[in-house]
Amino acid sequence: MWNLYSPQWIENQEEKREDTLLPFDAVLLASVGFLVGIIASMVGVGGGVFIVPFLSIVFEFTSQEAVGSSLAVVVFTSVASTFAYSKQKRIDYKVGLVSAVTTVPGAVLGAYLTTLVSSRLLGLVFAFFLVFVALRMATDLHVPFLNVNLSRWHRRLVDSEGEVFEHDADVMLGFVLAFFGGLSSGLLGTGGGAIMVPILHLAVNQPMHVAVATSMFIMIFTSIAGVLTHMRLDNVKFEYSACIAFGVIFGAQLGARISRNTSGKILRGTFSIVLLIVSIRLLLKFI
């Protein structure tokens, strides 16, 4: 037991003061959460692509802490966005549930992999991953293995305003690739949307609006599996996550409304530009 005012006691108190969340920080976190909620809900990502670098750069979290705390926020992002998109009737629940079967074990494995990867390497992997996804969505580059047609289901969705989304979904290819969406979620704290939206749109062949909405639904299962694992690894700072989540819940509702009246091409462009900006900032931090 430490004596009062001993060096060990003083050091412990200083560490506690450093971890204390100030009112200004709480407002900042909630404000950032609101903005993240808007963009994340619009483009179908969990918000981790913004939250992880924000916590790493502004609050100097280790990459592991940023990933774990981000996933805790993504749980709220995905639930809030799913609620909004369910009212619009743009979620393909059948395809979403099939994909969730493989994203969940992927998320658990990804979370455990953070214990084997250094903070700097994890940050660099995350940055290059964002560059790849951004360029893939911006250029619509043809990748042969995305057109193997393993098992196609004819899907027809009619949203709340009567707009029809009809397509043939390559469900089995999505089932296989969704594992990597879950893996990226647990490893990088993204929720998996940055991978799942391209998979659903480019591989499964869903229209962009349906891919965005369905990605948010899948993310509920993926993020919960990932955050439970990160809790066991003591990677989650709930005080920070709660403040961001407060803003995210409201931002996600607004983002879903904006997405309804935005063309698929604009959604893809917005998705790509935001990811490139974040990836460049991360590369500058870790290189």
C-alpha atoms as a PDB file:
ATOM      1  CA  MET A   1       0.000   0.000   0.000  1.00  0.00           C
ATOM      2  CA  TRP A   2       1.343   3.466  -0.948  1.00  0.00           C
ATOM      3  CA  ASN A   3       2.096   6.066   1.729  1.00  0.00           C
ATOM      4  CA  LEU A   4       0.297   9.396   1.301  1.00  0.00           C
ATOM      5  CA  TYR A   5       2.369  11.807  -0.851  1.00  0.00           C
ATOM      6  CA  SER A   6       4.911   9.110  -1.709  1.00  0.00           C
ATOM      7  CA  PRO A   7       6.344   9.280  -5.264  1.00  0.00           C
ATOM      8  CA  GLN A   8       4.187   6.334  -6.253  1.00  0.00           C
ATOM      9  CA  TRP A   9       1.024   7.963  -4.863  1.00  0.00           C
ATOM     10  CA  ILE A  10       1.767  11.278  -6.600  1.00  0.00           C
ATOM     11  CA  GLU A  11       2.448   9.500  -9.902  1.00  0.00           C
ATOM     12  CA  ASN A  12      -0.840   7.611  -9.575  1.00  0.00           C
ATOM     13  CA  GLN A  13      -2.785  10.834  -8.962  1.00  0.00           C
ATOM     14  CA  GLU A  14      -1.149  12.484 -11.983  1.00  0.00           C
ATOM     15  CA  GLU A  15      -2.187   9.557 -14.162  1.00  0.00           C
ATOM     16  CA  LYS A  16      -5.761   9.841 -12.873  1.00  0.00           C
ATOM     17  CA  ARG A  17      -5.815  13.566 -13.653  1.00  0.00           C
ATOM     18  CA  GLU A  18      -4.557  12.872 -17.166  1.00  0.00           C
ATOM     19  CA  ASP A  19      -7.375  10.355 -17.702  1.00  0.00           C
ATOM     20  CA  THR A  20     -10.078  12.687 -16.371  1.00  0.00           C
ATOM     21  CA  LEU A  21     -12.368  13.925 -19.123  1.00  0.00           C
ATOM     22  CA  LEU A  22     -12.764  17.712 -18.963  1.00  0.00           C
ATOM     23  CA  PRO A  23     -16.094  19.419 -19.868  1.00  0.00           C
ATOM     24  CA  PHE A  24     -14.549  20.995 -22.977  1.00  0.00           C
ATOM     25  CA  ASP A  25     -13.286  17.581 -24.103  1.00  0.00           C
ATOM     26  CA  ALA A  26     -16.740  16.063 -23.575  1.00  0.00           C
ATOM     27  CA  VAL A  27     -18.338  18.773 -25.751  1.00  0.00           C
ATOM     28  CA  LEU A  28     -15.645  18.309 -28.395  1.00  0.00           C
ATOM     29  CA  LEU A  29     -16.169  14.543 -28.460  1.00  0.00           C
ATOM     30  CA  ALA A  30     -19.953  14.895 -28.742  1.00  0.00           C
ATOM     31  CA  SER A  31     -19.615  17.496 -31.527  1.00  0.00           C
ATOM     32  CA  VAL A  32     -17.225  15.297 -33.481  1.00  0.00           C
ATOM     33  CA  GLY A  33     -19.596  12.383 -32.887  1.00  0.00           C
ATOM     34  CA  PHE A  34     -22.471  14.353 -34.408  1.00  0.00           C
ATOM     35  CA  LEU A  35     -20.467  15.093 -37.573  1.00  0.00           C
ATOM     36  CA  VAL A  36     -19.203  11.514 -37.764  1.00  0.00           C
ATOM     37  CA  GLY A  37     -22.759  10.234 -37.371  1.00  0.00           C
ATOM     38  CA  ILE A  38     -23.929  12.282 -40.363  1.00  0.00           C
ATOM     39  CA  ILE A  39     -21.157  11.125 -42.701  1.00  0.00           C
ATOM     40  CA  ALA A  40     -21.056   7.538 -41.435  1.00  0.00           C
ATOM     41  CA  SER A  41     -24.784   7.050 -41.843  1.00  0.00           C
ATOM     42  CA  MET A  42     -24.721   8.623 -45.325  1.00  0.00           C
ATOM     43  CA  VAL A  43     -22.050   6.306 -46.719  1.00  0.00           C
ATOM     44  CA  GLY A  44     -22.718   3.159 -44.676  1.00  0.00           C
ATOM     45  CA  VAL A  45     -19.620   3.011 -42.465  1.00  0.00           C
ATOM     46  CA  GLY A  46     -19.559   2.747 -38.693  1.00  0.00           C
ATOM     47  CA  GLY A  47     -17.565   5.916 -38.222  1.00  0.00           C
ATOM     48  CA  GLY A  48     -14.404   4.170 -37.068  1.00  0.00           C
ATOM     49  CA  VAL A  49     -12.523   5.484 -40.110  1.00  0.00           C
ATOM     50  CA  PHE A  50     -12.863   8.920 -38.497  1.00  0.00           C
ATOM     51  CA  ILE A  51     -13.000   8.068 -34.777  1.00  0.00           C
ATOM     52  CA  VAL A  52      -9.821   5.952 -34.673  1.00  0.00           C
ATOM     53  CA  PRO A  53      -7.542   8.652 -36.160  1.00  0.00           C
ATOM     54  CA  PHE A  54      -9.311  11.352 -34.109  1.00  0.00           C
ATOM     55  CA  LEU A  55      -8.664   9.563 -30.803  1.00  0.00           C
ATOM     56  CA  SER A  56      -5.115   8.673 -31.874  1.00  0.00           C
ATOM     57  CA  ILE A  57      -4.177  12.200 -32.962  1.00  0.00           C
ATOM     58  CA  VAL A  58      -6.111  14.488 -30.585  1.00  0.00           C
ATOM     59  CA  PHE A  59      -6.208  12.404 -27.393  1.00  0.00           C
ATOM     60  CA  GLU A  60      -3.065  10.328 -28.091  1.00  0.00           C
ATOM     61  CA  PHE A  61      -4.727   6.958 -27.582  1.00  0.00           C
ATOM     62  CA  THR A  62      -2.683   3.907 -28.478  1.00  0.00           C
ATOM     63  CA  SER A  63      -3.940   2.316 -31.694  1.00  0.00           C
ATOM     64  CA  GLN A  64      -5.396  -0.569 -29.656  1.00  0.00           C
ATOM     65  CA  GLU A  65      -7.309   1.793 -27.329  1.00  0.00           C
ATOM     66  CA  ALA A  66      -8.546   3.859 -30.268  1.00  0.00           C
ATOM     67  CA  VAL A  67      -9.768   0.726 -32.059  1.00  0.00           C
ATOM     68  CA  GLY A  68     -11.576  -0.666 -28.994  1.00  0.00           C
ATOM     69  CA  SER A  69     -13.165   2.658 -28.015  1.00  0.00           C
ATOM     70  CA  SER A  70     -14.199   3.295 -31.613  1.00  0.00           C
ATOM     71  CA  LEU A  71     -16.009  -0.035 -31.843  1.00  0.00           C
ATOM     72  CA  ALA A  72     -18.000   0.841 -28.717  1.00  0.00           C
ATOM     73  CA  VAL A  73     -19.235   3.936 -30.562  1.00  0.00           C
ATOM     74  CA  VAL A  74     -19.948   1.962 -33.736  1.00  0.00           C
ATOM     75  CA  VAL A  75     -22.505  -0.116 -31.833  1.00  0.00           C
ATOM     76  CA  PHE A  76     -24.572   3.054 -31.328  1.00  0.00           C
ATOM     77  CA  THR A  77     -23.917   4.304 -34.874  1.00  0.00           C
ATOM     78  CA  SER A  78     -25.137   1.086 -36.447  1.00  0.00           C
ATOM     79  CA  VAL A  79     -28.239   0.799 -34.250  1.00  0.00           C
ATOM     80  CA  ALA A  80     -29.234   4.446 -34.793  1.00  0.00           C
ATOM     81  CA  SER A  81     -28.646   4.257 -38.555  1.00  0.00           C
ATOM     82  CA  THR A  82     -30.455   0.926 -38.881  1.00  0.00           C
ATOM     83  CA  PHE A  83     -33.468   2.428 -37.120  1.00  0.00           C
ATOM     84  CA  ALA A  84     -33.517   5.313 -39.615  1.00  0.00           C
ATOM     85  CA  TYR A  85     -33.010   3.102 -42.680  1.00  0.00           C
ATOM     86  CA  SER A  86     -35.614   0.586 -41.522  1.00  0.00           C
ATOM     87  CA  LYS A  87     -38.212   3.345 -41.711  1.00  0.00           C
ATOM     88  CA  GLN A  88     -37.063   4.008 -45.286  1.00  0.00           C
ATOM     89  CA  LYS A  89     -37.362   0.256 -46.063  1.00  0.00           C
ATOM     90  CA  ARG A  90     -33.970   0.137 -47.791  1.00  0.00           C
ATOM     91  CA  ILE A  91     -32.369  -2.673 -45.763  1.00  0.00           C
ATOM     92  CA  ASP A  92     -32.049  -6.124 -47.357  1.00  0.00           C
ATOM     93  CA  TYR A  93     -32.380  -8.122 -44.132  1.00  0.00           C
ATOM     94  CA  LYS A  94     -31.979 -11.527 -45.799  1.00  0.00           C
ATOM     95  CA  VAL A  95     -28.635 -10.694 -47.406  1.00  0.00           C
ATOM     96  CA  GLY A  96     -27.584  -8.854 -44.229  1.00  0.00           C
ATOM     97  CA  LEU A  97     -28.187 -11.840 -41.958  1.00  0.00           C
ATOM     98  CA  VAL A  98     -26.322 -14.199 -44.300  1.00  0.00           C
ATOM     99  CA  SER A  99     -23.321 -11.823 -44.328  1.00  0.00           C
ATOM    100  CA  ALA A 100     -23.391 -11.403 -40.526  1.00  0.00           C
ATOM    101  CA  VAL A 101     -22.765 -15.139 -40.107  1.00  0.00           C
ATOM    102  CA  THR A 102     -19.151 -14.646 -41.238  1.00  0.00           C
ATOM    103  CA  THR A 103     -18.533 -11.048 -40.097  1.00  0.00           C
ATOM    104  CA  VAL A 104     -18.963 -11.983 -36.414  1.00  0.00           C
ATOM    105  CA  PRO A 105     -16.149 -14.594 -36.200  1.00  0.00           C
ATOM    106  CA  GLY A 106     -14.031 -12.267 -38.351  1.00  0.00           C
ATOM    107  CA  ALA A 107     -14.541  -9.433 -35.843  1.00  0.00           C
ATOM    108  CA  VAL A 108     -13.545 -11.630 -32.889  1.00  0.00           C
ATOM    109  CA  LEU A 109     -10.381 -12.806 -34.664  1.00  0.00           C
ATOM    110  CA  GLY A 110      -9.508  -9.248 -35.689  1.00  0.00           C
ATOM    111  CA  ALA A 111      -9.831  -7.988 -32.120  1.00  0.00           C
ATOM    112  CA  TYR A 112      -7.429 -10.651 -30.841  1.00  0.00           C
ATOM    113  CA  LEU A 113      -4.957  -9.848 -33.617  1.00  0.00           C
ATOM    114  CA  THR A 114      -4.511  -6.344 -32.126  1.00  0.00           C
ATOM    115  CA  THR A 115      -2.594  -8.003 -29.269  1.00  0.00           C
ATOM    116  CA  LEU A 116      -0.001  -9.253 -31.762  1.00  0.00           C
ATOM    117  CA  VAL A 117       0.460  -6.051 -33.769  1.00  0.00           C
ATOM    118  CA  SER A 118       2.393  -2.951 -32.633  1.00  0.00           C
ATOM    119  CA  SER A 119       0.540   0.349 -32.334  1.00  0.00           C
ATOM    120  CA  ARG A 120       2.576   1.980 -35.138  1.00  0.00           C
ATOM    121  CA  LEU A 121       2.161  -0.945 -37.528  1.00  0.00           C
ATOM    122  CA  LEU A 122      -1.573  -1.086 -36.830  1.00  0.00           C
ATOM    123  CA  GLY A 123      -1.844   2.635 -37.622  1.00  0.00           C
ATOM    124  CA  LEU A 124       0.023   2.248 -40.914  1.00  0.00           C
ATOM    125  CA  VAL A 125      -2.037  -0.798 -41.922  1.00  0.00           C
ATOM    126  CA  PHE A 126      -5.184   1.194 -41.218  1.00  0.00           C
ATOM    127  CA  ALA A 127      -3.970   4.160 -43.305  1.00  0.00           C
ATOM    128  CA  PHE A 128      -3.029   2.080 -46.366  1.00  0.00           C
ATOM    129  CA  PHE A 129      -6.272   0.138 -46.025  1.00  0.00           C
ATOM    130  CA  LEU A 130      -8.225   3.407 -46.260  1.00  0.00           C
ATOM    131  CA  VAL A 131      -6.279   4.496 -49.357  1.00  0.00           C
ATOM    132  CA  PHE A 132      -7.102   1.215 -51.125  1.00  0.00           C
ATOM    133  CA  VAL A 133     -10.806   1.357 -50.290  1.00  0.00           C
ATOM    134  CA  ALA A 134     -11.061   5.033 -51.294  1.00  0.00           C
ATOM    135  CA  LEU A 135      -9.418   4.462 -54.677  1.00  0.00           C
ATOM    136  CA  ARG A 136     -11.461   1.299 -55.253  1.00  0.00           C
ATOM    137  CA  MET A 137     -14.729   3.162 -54.735  1.00  0.00           C
ATOM    138  CA  ALA A 138     -13.638   6.290 -56.668  1.00  0.00           C
ATOM    139  CA  THR A 139     -12.401   4.499 -59.785  1.00  0.00           C
ATOM    140  CA  ASP A 140     -14.738   1.481 -59.801  1.00  0.00           C
ATOM    141  CA  LEU A 141     -11.693  -0.533 -60.867  1.00  0.00           C
ATOM    142  CA  HIS A 142     -12.620  -3.927 -62.285  1.00  0.00           C
ATOM    143  CA  VAL A 143     -11.466  -6.869 -60.183  1.00  0.00           C
ATOM    144  CA  PRO A 144     -12.123 -10.256 -61.876  1.00  0.00           C
ATOM    145  CA  PHE A 145     -12.804 -12.282 -58.703  1.00  0.00           C
ATOM    146  CA  LEU A 146     -15.712  -9.963 -57.846  1.00  0.00           C
ATOM    147  CA  ASN A 147     -17.721 -11.360 -60.773  1.00  0.00           C
ATOM    148  CA  VAL A 148     -17.619 -15.108 -60.224  1.00  0.00           C
ATOM    149  CA  ASN A 149     -21.412 -15.489 -59.794  1.00  0.00           C
ATOM    150  CA  LEU A 150     -21.363 -18.178 -57.085  1.00  0.00           C
ATOM    151  CA  SER A 151     -25.036 -17.996 -56.173  1.00  0.00           C
ATOM    152  CA  ARG A 152     -27.418 -15.262 -57.303  1.00  0.00           C
ATOM    153  CA  TRP A 153     -30.682 -14.374 -55.578  1.00  0.00           C
ATOM    154  CA  HIS A 154     -33.105 -12.096 -57.349  1.00  0.00           C
ATOM    155  CA  ARG A 155     -33.901  -9.254 -54.956  1.00  0.00           C
ATOM    156  CA  ARG A 156     -36.611  -6.618 -55.217  1.00  0.00           C
ATOM    157  CA  LEU A 157     -37.011  -3.912 -52.584  1.00  0.00           C
ATOM    158  CA  VAL A 158     -39.589  -1.110 -52.617  1.00  0.00           C
ATOM    159  CA  ASP A 159     -38.728   1.717 -50.219  1.00  0.00           C
ATOM    160  CA  SER A 160     -41.102   3.904 -48.224  1.00  0.00           C
ATOM    161  CA  GLU A 161     -41.445   6.380 -51.101  1.00  0.00           C
ATOM    162  CA  GLY A 162     -42.163   3.731 -53.714  1.00  0.00           C
ATOM    163  CA  GLU A 163     -38.712   3.639 -55.337  1.00  0.00           C
ATOM    164  CA  VAL A 164     -37.883   0.137 -56.606  1.00  0.00           C
ATOM    165  CA  PHE A 165     -34.434  -1.460 -56.194  1.00  0.00           C
ATOM    166  CA  GLU A 166     -34.238  -4.647 -58.268  1.00  0.00           C
ATOM    167  CA  HIS A 167     -31.067  -6.680 -58.789  1.00  0.00           C
ATOM    168  CA  ASP A 168     -29.478 -10.136 -58.718  1.00  0.00           C
ATOM    169  CA  ALA A 169     -27.426 -10.487 -55.543  1.00  0.00           C
ATOM    170  CA  ASP A 170     -24.367 -12.789 -55.498  1.00  0.00           C
ATOM    171  CA  VAL A 171     -25.034 -13.890 -51.926  1.00  0.00           C
ATOM    172  CA  MET A 172     -22.452 -16.671 -51.607  1.00  0.00           C
ATOM    173  CA  LEU A 173     -19.596 -14.424 -52.741  1.00  0.00           C
ATOM    174  CA  GLY A 174     -20.748 -11.847 -50.218  1.00  0.00           C
ATOM    175  CA  PHE A 175     -20.901 -14.561 -47.555  1.00  0.00           C
ATOM    176  CA  VAL A 176     -17.234 -15.449 -48.182  1.00  0.00           C
ATOM    177  CA  LEU A 177     -15.910 -11.891 -48.458  1.00  0.00           C
ATOM    178  CA  ALA A 178     -17.911 -10.644 -45.447  1.00  0.00           C
ATOM    179  CA  PHE A 179     -15.451 -12.468 -43.180  1.00  0.00           C
ATOM    180  CA  PHE A 180     -12.822  -9.894 -44.156  1.00  0.00           C
ATOM    181  CA  GLY A 181     -15.251  -7.100 -43.393  1.00  0.00           C
ATOM    182  CA  GLY A 182     -15.558  -8.497 -39.874  1.00  0.00           C
ATOM    183  CA  LEU A 183     -11.804  -8.998 -39.633  1.00  0.00           C
ATOM    184  CA  SER A 184     -11.158  -5.353 -40.511  1.00  0.00           C
ATOM    185  CA  SER A 185     -13.780  -4.308 -37.973  1.00  0.00           C
ATOM    186  CA  GLY A 186     -12.136  -6.047 -35.021  1.00  0.00           C
ATOM    187  CA  LEU A 187      -8.598  -5.229 -36.142  1.00  0.00           C
ATOM    188  CA  LEU A 188      -9.078  -1.620 -37.228  1.00  0.00           C
ATOM    189  CA  GLY A 189     -12.127  -0.490 -35.228  1.00  0.00           C
ATOM    190  CA  THR A 190     -14.114   0.517 -38.308  1.00  0.00           C
ATOM    191  CA  GLY A 191     -17.261  -1.500 -37.779  1.00  0.00           C
ATOM    192  CA  GLY A 192     -16.531  -3.149 -41.124  1.00  0.00           C
ATOM    193  CA  GLY A 193     -18.528  -0.727 -43.253  1.00  0.00           C
ATOM    194  CA  ALA A 194     -15.496   0.540 -45.159  1.00  0.00           C
ATOM    195  CA  ILE A 195     -15.108  -3.009 -46.464  1.00  0.00           C
ATOM    196  CA  MET A 196     -18.749  -4.145 -46.442  1.00  0.00           C
ATOM    197  CA  VAL A 197     -20.095  -1.293 -48.580  1.00  0.00           C
ATOM    198  CA  PRO A 198     -17.689  -2.083 -51.464  1.00  0.00           C
ATOM    199  CA  ILE A 199     -18.395  -5.815 -51.014  1.00  0.00           C
ATOM    200  CA  LEU A 200     -22.167  -5.324 -51.083  1.00  0.00           C
ATOM    201  CA  HIS A 201     -22.050  -2.848 -53.962  1.00  0.00           C
ATOM    202  CA  LEU A 202     -19.304  -4.300 -56.158  1.00  0.00           C
ATOM    203  CA  ALA A 203     -19.362  -8.028 -55.342  1.00  0.00           C
ATOM    204  CA  VAL A 204     -22.922  -8.736 -54.177  1.00  0.00           C
ATOM    205  CA  ASN A 205     -24.229  -6.280 -56.812  1.00  0.00           C
ATOM    206  CA  GLN A 206     -26.519  -4.267 -54.534  1.00  0.00           C
ATOM    207  CA  PRO A 207     -27.477  -0.710 -55.549  1.00  0.00           C
ATOM    208  CA  MET A 208     -25.458   1.832 -53.572  1.00  0.00           C
ATOM    209  CA  HIS A 209     -28.389   2.992 -51.432  1.00  0.00           C
ATOM    210  CA  VAL A 210     -29.290  -0.583 -50.468  1.00  0.00           C
ATOM    211  CA  ALA A 211     -25.616  -1.433 -49.795  1.00  0.00           C
ATOM    212  CA  VAL A 212     -25.283   1.534 -47.429  1.00  0.00           C
ATOM    213  CA  ALA A 213     -28.426   0.648 -45.479  1.00  0.00           C
ATOM    214  CA  THR A 214     -27.686  -3.096 -45.338  1.00  0.00           C
ATOM    215  CA  SER A 215     -24.097  -2.437 -44.244  1.00  0.00           C
ATOM    216  CA  MET A 216     -25.374  -0.555 -41.193  1.00  0.00           C
ATOM    217  CA  PHE A 217     -27.623  -3.490 -40.265  1.00  0.00           C
ATOM    218  CA  ILE A 218     -24.753  -6.000 -40.566  1.00  0.00           C
ATOM    219  CA  MET A 219     -22.596  -3.699 -38.471  1.00  0.00           C
ATOM    220  CA  ILE A 220     -24.791  -4.196 -35.402  1.00  0.00           C
ATOM    221  CA  PHE A 221     -23.666  -7.817 -35.102  1.00  0.00           C
ATOM    222  CA  THR A 222     -20.078  -7.143 -36.178  1.00  0.00           C
ATOM    223  CA  SER A 223     -19.444  -4.251 -33.792  1.00  0.00           C
ATOM    224  CA  ILE A 224     -20.985  -5.981 -30.767  1.00  0.00           C
ATOM    225  CA  ALA A 225     -18.815  -9.064 -31.325  1.00  0.00           C
ATOM    226  CA  GLY A 226     -15.712  -6.915 -31.729  1.00  0.00           C
ATOM    227  CA  VAL A 227     -16.291  -4.616 -28.763  1.00  0.00           C
ATOM    228  CA  LEU A 228     -17.004  -7.512 -26.373  1.00  0.00           C
ATOM    229  CA  THR A 229     -13.634  -8.976 -27.307  1.00  0.00           C
ATOM    230  CA  HIS A 230     -11.868  -5.608 -26.916  1.00  0.00           C
ATOM    231  CA  MET A 231     -13.483  -5.208 -23.471  1.00  0.00           C
ATOM    232  CA  ARG A 232     -11.792  -8.443 -22.400  1.00  0.00           C
ATOM    233  CA  LEU A 233      -8.507  -6.999 -23.668  1.00  0.00           C
ATOM    234  CA  ASP A 234      -9.099  -3.734 -21.715  1.00  0.00           C
ATOM    235  CA  ASN A 235      -8.947  -1.642 -24.896  1.00  0.00           C
ATOM    236  CA  VAL A 236     -12.161   0.352 -24.371  1.00  0.00           C
ATOM    237  CA  LYS A 237     -12.346   3.788 -22.669  1.00  0.00           C
ATOM    238  CA  PHE A 238     -16.073   4.031 -22.111  1.00  0.00           C
ATOM    239  CA  GLU A 239     -16.084   7.651 -20.887  1.00  0.00           C
ATOM    240  CA  TYR A 240     -14.790   8.856 -24.247  1.00  0.00           C
ATOM    241  CA  SER A 241     -16.937   6.417 -26.231  1.00  0.00           C
ATOM    242  CA  ALA A 242     -20.116   7.532 -24.442  1.00  0.00           C
ATOM    243  CA  CYS A 243     -19.536  11.200 -25.313  1.00  0.00           C
ATOM    244  CA  ILE A 244     -18.932  10.435 -28.992  1.00  0.00           C
ATOM    245  CA  ALA A 245     -21.910   8.055 -29.086  1.00  0.00           C
ATOM    246  CA  PHE A 246     -24.197  10.799 -27.734  1.00  0.00           C
ATOM    247  CA  GLY A 247     -23.452  12.967 -30.780  1.00  0.00           C
ATOM    248  CA  VAL A 248     -23.439  10.035 -33.197  1.00  0.00           C
ATOM    249  CA  ILE A 249     -27.006   8.999 -32.368  1.00  0.00           C
ATOM    250  CA  PHE A 250     -28.402  12.351 -33.502  1.00  0.00           C
ATOM    251  CA  GLY A 251     -26.031  12.740 -36.450  1.00  0.00           C
ATOM    252  CA  ALA A 252     -26.938   9.301 -37.806  1.00  0.00           C
ATOM    253  CA  GLN A 253     -30.614  10.254 -38.099  1.00  0.00           C
ATOM    254  CA  LEU A 254     -29.729  13.350 -40.129  1.00  0.00           C
ATOM    255  CA  GLY A 255     -27.249  11.429 -42.300  1.00  0.00           C
ATOM    256  CA  ALA A 256     -29.858   8.819 -43.225  1.00  0.00           C
ATOM    257  CA  ARG A 257     -32.264  11.559 -44.302  1.00  0.00           C
ATOM    258  CA  ILE A 258     -29.609  13.251 -46.456  1.00  0.00           C
ATOM    259  CA  SER A 259     -28.665   9.918 -48.025  1.00  0.00           C
ATOM    260  CA  ARG A 260     -32.260   9.320 -49.175  1.00  0.00           C
ATOM    261  CA  ASN A 261     -32.106  12.311 -51.542  1.00  0.00           C
ATOM    262  CA  THR A 262     -28.472  11.870 -52.662  1.00  0.00           C
ATOM    263  CA  SER A 263     -27.454  10.035 -55.844  1.00  0.00           C
ATOM    264  CA  GLY A 264     -25.376   6.867 -55.617  1.00  0.00           C
ATOM    265  CA  LYS A 265     -22.549   8.525 -57.560  1.00  0.00           C
ATOM    266  CA  ILE A 266     -22.334  11.399 -55.075  1.00  0.00           C
ATOM    267  CA  LEU A 267     -22.384   8.942 -52.173  1.00  0.00           C
ATOM    268  CA  ARG A 268     -19.435   7.056 -53.665  1.00  0.00           C
ATOM    269  CA  GLY A 269     -17.510  10.270 -54.305  1.00  0.00           C
ATOM    270  CA  THR A 270     -18.109  11.530 -50.761  1.00  0.00           C
ATOM    271  CA  PHE A 271     -17.059   8.159 -49.366  1.00  0.00           C
ATOM    272  CA  SER A 272     -13.790   8.213 -51.330  1.00  0.00           C
ATOM    273  CA  ILE A 273     -12.786  11.821 -50.581  1.00  0.00           C
ATOM    274  CA  VAL A 274     -13.339  11.523 -46.844  1.00  0.00           C
ATOM    275  CA  LEU A 275     -11.348   8.296 -46.625  1.00  0.00           C
ATOM    276  CA  LEU A 276      -8.420   9.789 -48.562  1.00  0.00           C
ATOM    277  CA  ILE A 277      -8.228  12.820 -46.259  1.00  0.00           C
ATOM    278  CA  VAL A 278      -8.238  10.641 -43.146  1.00  0.00           C
ATOM    279  CA  SER A 279      -5.645   8.215 -44.561  1.00  0.00           C
ATOM    280  CA  ILE A 280      -3.221  11.013 -45.469  1.00  0.00           C
ATOM    281  CA  ARG A 281      -3.456  12.450 -41.954  1.00  0.00           C
ATOM    282  CA  LEU A 282      -2.759   9.028 -40.439  1.00  0.00           C
ATOM    283  CA  LEU A 283       0.232   8.417 -42.703  1.00  0.00           C
ATOM    284  CA  LEU A 284       1.734  11.741 -41.632  1.00  0.00           C
ATOM    285  CA  LYS A 285       1.335  10.693 -37.993  1.00  0.00           C
ATOM    286  CA  PHE A 286       2.828   7.193 -38.186  1.00  0.00           C
ATOM    287  CA  ILE A 287       5.509   7.375 -40.883  1.00  0.00           C
END
